[in-house]
Amino acid sequence: MSNIADEIIKTIKYAIDRKSINCDRTYKTGIKKITGKGYVVLDEAGSERTVKCAIPGVELRVGQMVFVTMPSGKLNEMFISGVV
């Protein structure tokens, strides 16, 4: 019986992971480089994204760990929301 329950839980987790997410997501990443357009960080899939920092008056540097927020699952609206 336990095997059936495990398979049901795996199937539910898979379905949830495959569903598109329409809520804010915040995760930890590092600053790879700094350009004139913003800070280059990795998104959750490992792709580089250039984002702005929403923290007034903070100076960030390459290698620094930050929190990045992706509002409503929109990659083009990602921003740095905190410093680790």
PDB file of N, CA and C in Angstrom:
ATOM      1  N   MET A   1       0.821  -1.194   0.000  1.00  0.00           N
ATOM      2  CA  MET A   1       0.000   0.000   0.000  1.00  0.00           C
ATOM      3  C   MET A   1       0.866   1.258   0.000  1.00  0.00           C
ATOM      4  N   SER A   2       1.997   1.207   0.673  1.00  0.00           N
ATOM      5  CA  SER A   2       2.885   2.361   0.759  1.00  0.00           C
ATOM      6  C   SER A   2       3.416   2.762  -0.611  1.00  0.00           C
ATOM      7  N   ASN A   3       3.683   1.802  -1.475  1.00  0.00           N
ATOM      8  CA  ASN A   3       4.197   2.093  -2.807  1.00  0.00           C
ATOM      9  C   ASN A   3       3.189   2.872  -3.627  1.00  0.00           C
ATOM     10  N   ILE A   4       1.908   2.538  -3.496  1.00  0.00           N
ATOM     11  CA  ILE A   4       0.869   3.255  -4.221  1.00  0.00           C
ATOM     12  C   ILE A   4       0.788   4.699  -3.737  1.00  0.00           C
ATOM     13  N   ALA A   5       0.855   4.888  -2.440  1.00  0.00           N
ATOM     14  CA  ALA A   5       0.813   6.242  -1.873  1.00  0.00           C
ATOM     15  C   ALA A   5       2.011   7.057  -2.345  1.00  0.00           C
ATOM     16  N   ASP A   6       3.187   6.446  -2.374  1.00  0.00           N
ATOM     17  CA  ASP A   6       4.388   7.143  -2.849  1.00  0.00           C
ATOM     18  C   ASP A   6       4.246   7.552  -4.306  1.00  0.00           C
ATOM     19  N   GLU A   7       3.693   6.676  -5.120  1.00  0.00           N
ATOM     20  CA  GLU A   7       3.499   6.987  -6.541  1.00  0.00           C
ATOM     21  C   GLU A   7       2.488   8.110  -6.731  1.00  0.00           C
ATOM     22  N   ILE A   8       1.443   8.118  -5.930  1.00  0.00           N
ATOM     23  CA  ILE A   8       0.443   9.197  -6.010  1.00  0.00           C
ATOM     24  C   ILE A   8       1.081  10.527  -5.639  1.00  0.00           C
ATOM     25  N   ILE A   9       1.883  10.541  -4.587  1.00  0.00           N
ATOM     26  CA  ILE A   9       2.561  11.777  -4.158  1.00  0.00           C
ATOM     27  C   ILE A   9       3.534  12.243  -5.235  1.00  0.00           C
ATOM     28  N   LYS A  10       4.286  11.328  -5.841  1.00  0.00           N
ATOM     29  CA  LYS A  10       5.206  11.694  -6.920  1.00  0.00           C
ATOM     30  C   LYS A  10       4.453  12.307  -8.101  1.00  0.00           C
ATOM     31  N   THR A  11       3.314  11.729  -8.433  1.00  0.00           N
ATOM     32  CA  THR A  11       2.512  12.238  -9.549  1.00  0.00           C
ATOM     33  C   THR A  11       1.983  13.630  -9.250  1.00  0.00           C
ATOM     34  N   ILE A  12       1.522  13.856  -8.040  1.00  0.00           N
ATOM     35  CA  ILE A  12       1.025  15.180  -7.646  1.00  0.00           C
ATOM     36  C   ILE A  12       2.153  16.205  -7.701  1.00  0.00           C
ATOM     37  N   LYS A  13       3.319  15.856  -7.163  1.00  0.00           N
ATOM     38  CA  LYS A  13       4.469  16.773  -7.193  1.00  0.00           C
ATOM     39  C   LYS A  13       4.862  17.109  -8.633  1.00  0.00           C
ATOM     40  N   TYR A  14       4.849  16.105  -9.499  1.00  0.00           N
ATOM     41  CA  TYR A  14       5.188  16.323 -10.902  1.00  0.00           C
ATOM     42  C   TYR A  14       4.194  17.290 -11.547  1.00  0.00           C
ATOM     43  N   ALA A  15       2.910  17.094 -11.285  1.00  0.00           N
ATOM     44  CA  ALA A  15       1.875  17.960 -11.860  1.00  0.00           C
ATOM     45  C   ALA A  15       2.036  19.395 -11.366  1.00  0.00           C
ATOM     46  N   ILE A  16       2.355  19.565 -10.105  1.00  0.00           N
ATOM     47  CA  ILE A  16       2.546  20.911  -9.550  1.00  0.00           C
ATOM     48  C   ILE A  16       3.764  21.571 -10.172  1.00  0.00           C
ATOM     49  N   ASP A  17       4.857  20.830 -10.312  1.00  0.00           N
ATOM     50  CA  ASP A  17       6.076  21.381 -10.909  1.00  0.00           C
ATOM     51  C   ASP A  17       5.869  21.789 -12.357  1.00  0.00           C
ATOM     52  N   ARG A  18       5.028  21.082 -13.093  1.00  0.00           N
ATOM     53  CA  ARG A  18       4.805  21.353 -14.508  1.00  0.00           C
ATOM     54  C   ARG A  18       3.831  22.507 -14.739  1.00  0.00           C
ATOM     55  N   LYS A  19       3.022  22.840 -13.746  1.00  0.00           N
ATOM     56  CA  LYS A  19       2.034  23.907 -13.889  1.00  0.00           C
ATOM     57  C   LYS A  19       2.753  25.245 -13.888  1.00  0.00           C
ATOM     58  N   SER A  20       2.328  26.170 -14.746  1.00  0.00           N
ATOM     59  CA  SER A  20       2.971  27.482 -14.750  1.00  0.00           C
ATOM     60  C   SER A  20       2.622  28.215 -13.463  1.00  0.00           C
ATOM     61  N   ILE A  21       3.584  28.924 -12.956  1.00  0.00           N
ATOM     62  CA  ILE A  21       3.436  29.584 -11.663  1.00  0.00           C
ATOM     63  C   ILE A  21       3.091  31.048 -11.884  1.00  0.00           C
ATOM     64  N   ASN A  22       2.003  31.496 -11.279  1.00  0.00           N
ATOM     65  CA  ASN A  22       1.568  32.879 -11.423  1.00  0.00           C
ATOM     66  C   ASN A  22       1.611  33.618 -10.092  1.00  0.00           C
ATOM     67  N   CYS A  23       2.588  33.291  -9.277  1.00  0.00           N
ATOM     68  CA  CYS A  23       2.752  33.991  -8.008  1.00  0.00           C
ATOM     69  C   CYS A  23       4.187  34.521  -7.946  1.00  0.00           C
ATOM     70  N   ASP A  24       4.440  35.427  -7.014  1.00  0.00           N
ATOM     71  CA  ASP A  24       5.794  35.950  -6.848  1.00  0.00           C
ATOM     72  C   ASP A  24       6.711  34.832  -6.354  1.00  0.00           C
ATOM     73  N   ARG A  25       7.923  34.789  -6.898  1.00  0.00           N
ATOM     74  CA  ARG A  25       8.926  33.819  -6.475  1.00  0.00           C
ATOM     75  C   ARG A  25      10.179  34.580  -6.081  1.00  0.00           C
ATOM     76  N   THR A  26      10.745  34.254  -4.953  1.00  0.00           N
ATOM     77  CA  THR A  26      11.992  34.863  -4.507  1.00  0.00           C
ATOM     78  C   THR A  26      12.982  33.740  -4.236  1.00  0.00           C
ATOM     79  N   TYR A  27      14.199  33.898  -4.725  1.00  0.00           N
ATOM     80  CA  TYR A  27      15.223  32.888  -4.514  1.00  0.00           C
ATOM     81  C   TYR A  27      16.585  33.554  -4.392  1.00  0.00           C
ATOM     82  N   LYS A  28      17.552  32.789  -3.900  1.00  0.00           N
ATOM     83  CA  LYS A  28      18.904  33.291  -3.672  1.00  0.00           C
ATOM     84  C   LYS A  28      19.774  32.979  -4.883  1.00  0.00           C
ATOM     85  N   THR A  29      20.584  33.954  -5.285  1.00  0.00           N
ATOM     86  CA  THR A  29      21.520  33.778  -6.394  1.00  0.00           C
ATOM     87  C   THR A  29      22.703  34.718  -6.168  1.00  0.00           C
ATOM     88  N   GLY A  30      23.684  34.654  -7.019  1.00  0.00           N
ATOM     89  CA  GLY A  30      24.858  35.521  -6.899  1.00  0.00           C
ATOM     90  C   GLY A  30      24.984  36.459  -8.082  1.00  0.00           C
ATOM     91  N   ILE A  31      25.656  37.571  -7.865  1.00  0.00           N
ATOM     92  CA  ILE A  31      25.898  38.535  -8.938  1.00  0.00           C
ATOM     93  C   ILE A  31      27.116  38.058  -9.730  1.00  0.00           C
ATOM     94  N   LYS A  32      26.923  37.820 -11.023  1.00  0.00           N
ATOM     95  CA  LYS A  32      28.007  37.341 -11.882  1.00  0.00           C
ATOM     96  C   LYS A  32      28.838  38.484 -12.434  1.00  0.00           C
ATOM     97  N   LYS A  33      28.171  39.575 -12.824  1.00  0.00           N
ATOM     98  CA  LYS A  33      28.885  40.754 -13.304  1.00  0.00           C
ATOM     99  C   LYS A  33      27.951  41.957 -13.231  1.00  0.00           C
ATOM    100  N   ILE A  34      28.541  43.128 -13.404  1.00  0.00           N
ATOM    101  CA  ILE A  34      27.785  44.378 -13.359  1.00  0.00           C
ATOM    102  C   ILE A  34      27.975  45.075 -14.701  1.00  0.00           C
ATOM    103  N   THR A  35      26.868  45.481 -15.304  1.00  0.00           N
ATOM    104  CA  THR A  35      26.921  46.181 -16.592  1.00  0.00           C
ATOM    105  C   THR A  35      26.232  47.535 -16.442  1.00  0.00           C
ATOM    106  N   GLY A  36      26.240  48.311 -17.496  1.00  0.00           N
ATOM    107  CA  GLY A  36      25.556  49.596 -17.486  1.00  0.00           C
ATOM    108  C   GLY A  36      24.039  49.453 -17.390  1.00  0.00           C
ATOM    109  N   LYS A  37      23.525  48.276 -17.745  1.00  0.00           N
ATOM    110  CA  LYS A  37      22.082  48.034 -17.708  1.00  0.00           C
ATOM    111  C   LYS A  37      21.608  47.447 -16.386  1.00  0.00           C
ATOM    112  N   GLY A  38      22.526  46.954 -15.558  1.00  0.00           N
ATOM    113  CA  GLY A  38      22.137  46.371 -14.272  1.00  0.00           C
ATOM    114  C   GLY A  38      23.089  45.281 -13.832  1.00  0.00           C
ATOM    115  N   TYR A  39      22.557  44.373 -13.037  1.00  0.00           N
ATOM    116  CA  TYR A  39      23.340  43.288 -12.456  1.00  0.00           C
ATOM    117  C   TYR A  39      22.991  41.981 -13.162  1.00  0.00           C
ATOM    118  N   VAL A  40      24.008  41.217 -13.524  1.00  0.00           N
ATOM    119  CA  VAL A  40      23.782  39.939 -14.184  1.00  0.00           C
ATOM    120  C   VAL A  40      23.752  38.850 -13.112  1.00  0.00           C
ATOM    121  N   VAL A  41      22.614  38.146 -13.060  1.00  0.00           N
ATOM    122  CA  VAL A  41      22.409  37.063 -12.099  1.00  0.00           C
ATOM    123  C   VAL A  41      21.897  35.844 -12.869  1.00  0.00           C
ATOM    124  N   LEU A  42      21.852  34.704 -12.201  1.00  0.00           N
ATOM    125  CA  LEU A  42      21.286  33.499 -12.801  1.00  0.00           C
ATOM    126  C   LEU A  42      19.832  33.365 -12.374  1.00  0.00           C
ATOM    127  N   ASP A  43      18.966  33.013 -13.335  1.00  0.00           N
ATOM    128  CA  ASP A  43      17.582  32.736 -12.969  1.00  0.00           C
ATOM    129  C   ASP A  43      17.495  31.292 -12.464  1.00  0.00           C
ATOM    130  N   GLU A  44      16.296  30.845 -12.124  1.00  0.00           N
ATOM    131  CA  GLU A  44      16.134  29.506 -11.543  1.00  0.00           C
ATOM    132  C   GLU A  44      16.521  28.384 -12.508  1.00  0.00           C
ATOM    133  N   ALA A  45      16.498  28.651 -13.797  1.00  0.00           N
ATOM    134  CA  ALA A  45      16.864  27.645 -14.789  1.00  0.00           C
ATOM    135  C   ALA A  45      18.362  27.671 -15.101  1.00  0.00           C
ATOM    136  N   GLY A  46      19.093  28.642 -14.529  1.00  0.00           N
ATOM    137  CA  GLY A  46      20.528  28.739 -14.764  1.00  0.00           C
ATOM    138  C   GLY A  46      20.922  29.664 -15.898  1.00  0.00           C
ATOM    139  N   SER A  47      19.955  30.395 -16.459  1.00  0.00           N
ATOM    140  CA  SER A  47      20.251  31.352 -17.532  1.00  0.00           C
ATOM    141  C   SER A  47      20.601  32.712 -16.940  1.00  0.00           C
ATOM    142  N   GLU A  48      21.483  33.429 -17.621  1.00  0.00           N
ATOM    143  CA  GLU A  48      21.862  34.760 -17.148  1.00  0.00           C
ATOM    144  C   GLU A  48      20.752  35.764 -17.455  1.00  0.00           C
ATOM    145  N   ARG A  49      20.460  36.619 -16.484  1.00  0.00           N
ATOM    146  CA  ARG A  49      19.466  37.683 -16.627  1.00  0.00           C
ATOM    147  C   ARG A  49      20.059  38.973 -16.080  1.00  0.00           C
ATOM    148  N   THR A  50      19.815  40.072 -16.759  1.00  0.00           N
ATOM    149  CA  THR A  50      20.242  41.381 -16.271  1.00  0.00           C
ATOM    150  C   THR A  50      19.057  42.006 -15.560  1.00  0.00           C
ATOM    151  N   VAL A  51      19.262  42.359 -14.288  1.00  0.00           N
ATOM    152  CA  VAL A  51      18.174  42.881 -13.468  1.00  0.00           C
ATOM    153  C   VAL A  51      18.608  44.167 -12.767  1.00  0.00           C
ATOM    154  N   LYS A  52      17.634  44.924 -12.330  1.00  0.00           N
ATOM    155  CA  LYS A  52      17.872  46.139 -11.551  1.00  0.00           C
ATOM    156  C   LYS A  52      17.792  45.796 -10.066  1.00  0.00           C
ATOM    157  N   CYS A  53      18.320  46.680  -9.244  1.00  0.00           N
ATOM    158  CA  CYS A  53      18.244  46.525  -7.796  1.00  0.00           C
ATOM    159  C   CYS A  53      17.158  47.452  -7.270  1.00  0.00           C
ATOM    160  N   ALA A  54      16.256  46.910  -6.458  1.00  0.00           N
ATOM    161  CA  ALA A  54      15.161  47.693  -5.894  1.00  0.00           C
ATOM    162  C   ALA A  54      15.482  48.231  -4.502  1.00  0.00           C
ATOM    163  N   ILE A  55      16.721  48.061  -4.059  1.00  0.00           N
ATOM    164  CA  ILE A  55      17.120  48.532  -2.730  1.00  0.00           C
ATOM    165  C   ILE A  55      17.813  49.875  -2.888  1.00  0.00           C
ATOM    166  N   PRO A  56      17.214  50.958  -2.388  1.00  0.00           N
ATOM    167  CA  PRO A  56      17.824  52.273  -2.550  1.00  0.00           C
ATOM    168  C   PRO A  56      19.145  52.416  -1.794  1.00  0.00           C
ATOM    169  N   GLY A  57      20.125  53.013  -2.457  1.00  0.00           N
ATOM    170  CA  GLY A  57      21.388  53.372  -1.817  1.00  0.00           C
ATOM    171  C   GLY A  57      22.329  52.225  -1.512  1.00  0.00           C
ATOM    172  N   VAL A  58      22.081  51.038  -1.998  1.00  0.00           N
ATOM    173  CA  VAL A  58      22.967  49.912  -1.710  1.00  0.00           C
ATOM    174  C   VAL A  58      23.966  49.741  -2.861  1.00  0.00           C
ATOM    175  N   GLU A  59      25.207  49.406  -2.509  1.00  0.00           N
ATOM    176  CA  GLU A  59      26.227  49.124  -3.511  1.00  0.00           C
ATOM    177  C   GLU A  59      26.490  47.632  -3.511  1.00  0.00           C
ATOM    178  N   LEU A  60      26.268  46.999  -4.641  1.00  0.00           N
ATOM    179  CA  LEU A  60      26.476  45.564  -4.766  1.00  0.00           C
ATOM    180  C   LEU A  60      27.753  45.294  -5.544  1.00  0.00           C
ATOM    181  N   ARG A  61      28.330  44.122  -5.335  1.00  0.00           N
ATOM    182  CA  ARG A  61      29.580  43.776  -6.017  1.00  0.00           C
ATOM    183  C   ARG A  61      29.488  42.367  -6.609  1.00  0.00           C
ATOM    184  N   VAL A  62      30.356  42.084  -7.548  1.00  0.00           N
ATOM    185  CA  VAL A  62      30.409  40.768  -8.184  1.00  0.00           C
ATOM    186  C   VAL A  62      30.708  39.713  -7.118  1.00  0.00           C
ATOM    187  N   GLY A  63      29.986  38.607  -7.175  1.00  0.00           N
ATOM    188  CA  GLY A  63      30.168  37.519  -6.219  1.00  0.00           C
ATOM    189  C   GLY A  63      29.268  37.606  -5.010  1.00  0.00           C
ATOM    190  N   GLN A  64      28.636  38.750  -4.814  1.00  0.00           N
ATOM    191  CA  GLN A  64      27.764  38.931  -3.656  1.00  0.00           C
ATOM    192  C   GLN A  64      26.471  38.135  -3.851  1.00  0.00           C
ATOM    193  N   MET A  65      25.999  37.519  -2.771  1.00  0.00           N
ATOM    194  CA  MET A  65      24.748  36.760  -2.817  1.00  0.00           C
ATOM    195  C   MET A  65      23.584  37.700  -2.530  1.00  0.00           C
ATOM    196  N   VAL A  66      22.530  37.570  -3.345  1.00  0.00           N
ATOM    197  CA  VAL A  66      21.354  38.437  -3.230  1.00  0.00           C
ATOM    198  C   VAL A  66      20.089  37.599  -3.365  1.00  0.00           C
ATOM    199  N   PHE A  67      18.970  38.188  -2.964  1.00  0.00           N
ATOM    200  CA  PHE A  67      17.665  37.595  -3.219  1.00  0.00           C
ATOM    201  C   PHE A  67      17.078  38.284  -4.443  1.00  0.00           C
ATOM    202  N   VAL A  68      16.551  37.495  -5.372  1.00  0.00           N
ATOM    203  CA  VAL A  68      15.933  38.008  -6.581  1.00  0.00           C
ATOM    204  C   VAL A  68      14.447  37.639  -6.535  1.00  0.00           C
ATOM    205  N   THR A  69      13.591  38.603  -6.852  1.00  0.00           N
ATOM    206  CA  THR A  69      12.154  38.360  -6.888  1.00  0.00           C
ATOM    207  C   THR A  69      11.671  38.405  -8.330  1.00  0.00           C
ATOM    208  N   MET A  70      10.826  37.432  -8.672  1.00  0.00           N
ATOM    209  CA  MET A  70      10.216  37.351  -9.988  1.00  0.00           C
ATOM    210  C   MET A  70       8.705  37.497  -9.777  1.00  0.00           C
ATOM    211  N   PRO A  71       8.150  38.711 -10.009  1.00  0.00           N
ATOM    212  CA  PRO A  71       6.726  38.910  -9.757  1.00  0.00           C
ATOM    213  C   PRO A  71       5.843  38.162 -10.754  1.00  0.00           C
ATOM    214  N   SER A  72       4.902  37.422 -10.238  1.00  0.00           N
ATOM    215  CA  SER A  72       3.917  36.675 -11.039  1.00  0.00           C
ATOM    216  C   SER A  72       4.557  35.794 -12.107  1.00  0.00           C
ATOM    217  N   GLY A  73       5.761  35.300 -11.849  1.00  0.00           N
ATOM    218  CA  GLY A  73       6.433  34.416 -12.793  1.00  0.00           C
ATOM    219  C   GLY A  73       6.955  35.102 -14.039  1.00  0.00           C
ATOM    220  N   LYS A  74       7.036  36.431 -14.048  1.00  0.00           N
ATOM    221  CA  LYS A  74       7.462  37.188 -15.228  1.00  0.00           C
ATOM    222  C   LYS A  74       8.966  37.434 -15.187  1.00  0.00           C
ATOM    223  N   LEU A  75       9.699  36.739 -16.053  1.00  0.00           N
ATOM    224  CA  LEU A  75      11.156  36.871 -16.084  1.00  0.00           C
ATOM    225  C   LEU A  75      11.604  38.291 -16.406  1.00  0.00           C
ATOM    226  N   ASN A  76      10.870  38.984 -17.269  1.00  0.00           N
ATOM    227  CA  ASN A  76      11.280  40.324 -17.678  1.00  0.00           C
ATOM    228  C   ASN A  76      11.059  41.376 -16.589  1.00  0.00           C
ATOM    229  N   GLU A  77      10.443  41.007 -15.464  1.00  0.00           N
ATOM    230  CA  GLU A  77      10.217  41.951 -14.375  1.00  0.00           C
ATOM    231  C   GLU A  77      11.016  41.588 -13.120  1.00  0.00           C
ATOM    232  N   MET A  78      11.995  40.693 -13.255  1.00  0.00           N
ATOM    233  CA  MET A  78      12.807  40.278 -12.110  1.00  0.00           C
ATOM    234  C   MET A  78      13.605  41.465 -11.572  1.00  0.00           C
ATOM    235  N   PHE A  79      13.846  41.445 -10.248  1.00  0.00           N
ATOM    236  CA  PHE A  79      14.656  42.502  -9.629  1.00  0.00           C
ATOM    237  C   PHE A  79      15.316  41.975  -8.367  1.00  0.00           C
ATOM    238  N   ILE A  80      16.391  42.626  -7.957  1.00  0.00           N
ATOM    239  CA  ILE A  80      17.075  42.272  -6.709  1.00  0.00           C
ATOM    240  C   ILE A  80      16.262  42.895  -5.585  1.00  0.00           C
ATOM    241  N   SER A  81      15.846  42.037  -4.635  1.00  0.00           N
ATOM    242  CA  SER A  81      14.989  42.510  -3.566  1.00  0.00           C
ATOM    243  C   SER A  81      15.629  42.448  -2.183  1.00  0.00           C
ATOM    244  N   GLY A  82      16.804  41.857  -2.083  1.00  0.00           N
ATOM    245  CA  GLY A  82      17.450  41.769  -0.777  1.00  0.00           C
ATOM    246  C   GLY A  82      18.886  41.315  -0.905  1.00  0.00           C
ATOM    247  N   VAL A  83      19.643  41.486   0.166  1.00  0.00           N
ATOM    248  CA  VAL A  83      21.045  41.066   0.218  1.00  0.00           C
ATOM    249  C   VAL A  83      21.155  39.966   1.260  1.00  0.00           C
ATOM    250  N   VAL A  84      21.870  38.897   0.914  1.00  0.00           N
ATOM    251  CA  VAL A  84      22.034  37.761   1.836  1.00  0.00           C
ATOM    252  C   VAL A  84      23.029  38.129   2.908  1.00  0.00           C
TER     253      VAL A  84
END
